[in-house]
């Protein structure tokens, strides 16, 4: 029997790719000899390959006509058995459609954000699950996987692991907590002043240094956190993805909102304290397939309302989470478990 040839489409971003990993792992578990090609943005190639699930990783820049034309030619040449679009956008669905993949699996109109996208699929899956990872798994089931999700281990690039360890040794830091205050849109982010106060509290009560991770365009956010951190002297991390993987993978705990670095930490097996507001942790929260959910503490105010509304100020429900409560959650994560 001929092994299937799958095209996996998940172009970005960090957290979304992490949430697609267990579903792709289920494909690999069910079809160990199959060829699986993952199509993604160049920025995420290293992340995709860290899962060691795919045969090839193809890069595409969807804003470049030349890049799109080249990829479509490659898709047509490869003669894929099926394409699975875990993203559900016009730009992701159009690639296997224009690439003439005969079987194209995606979400039905009940699950996609952009109107009309399912018209480009030959098989449309109406999700019955709550968490986005389990929804992705429903697509894998339709593609023939025995299970919807499967466990996996991410491989941190050795050169970054060594480099991060060297920096920490130079700073005489052995154990630490990572804070990830960013999040794309401010309404799902805990205020930077509170992250700074958390730095002080963690240093004073737990004797641990904090490392603040920040991304492109978050320099003002970093400044606000540091200004509020007093003499707790947090380190900062702003480097390539491999360095972030090494940093969160070796941390005692990671604190953040519904953001890529938090979900990356979960995938690497690091305990987290997740601060949720207008996004629903049941759908977007930490996810460990067949794993230890005790490693995750999710804090969300009872007053929180799920809206997914993007705003430029922290959602009022996040202001209900005080520094003492978050520090206590960190304490529970870093102290030895009985």
Foldseek 3Di string as FASTA:
>chain_A
DDQFEEEEEDADDQLLVLLLLFQLVLLCVQRVPYAYEYEYAPQCPLVVCQQVRHPYYHHADLVDPVRLVVQLVVLLVVQGQEYEYLQQDQSRLVSCLSSVRPAYEYADPVPHDDPPSCVSGPYHHHDPAFASSQSSLVSSVVVPGPGSGDATAGHQPVVLLVVLVVVCVVVVADAAEEEEQDAPFAQWGQQLLLLLVLLQVCCVPVVHAYEYEDEPPCPVSVVNNVVNNPPSDHHYDYDGPSNLLSVLLNHLEYETELHSSNQSSLSSPHQYEYEGAQADCSHRNHDGVVDDCVSYHYDWAPPGHHDPDGDRHHHPRSVVDHSVNSSVVSVVSNDDDD
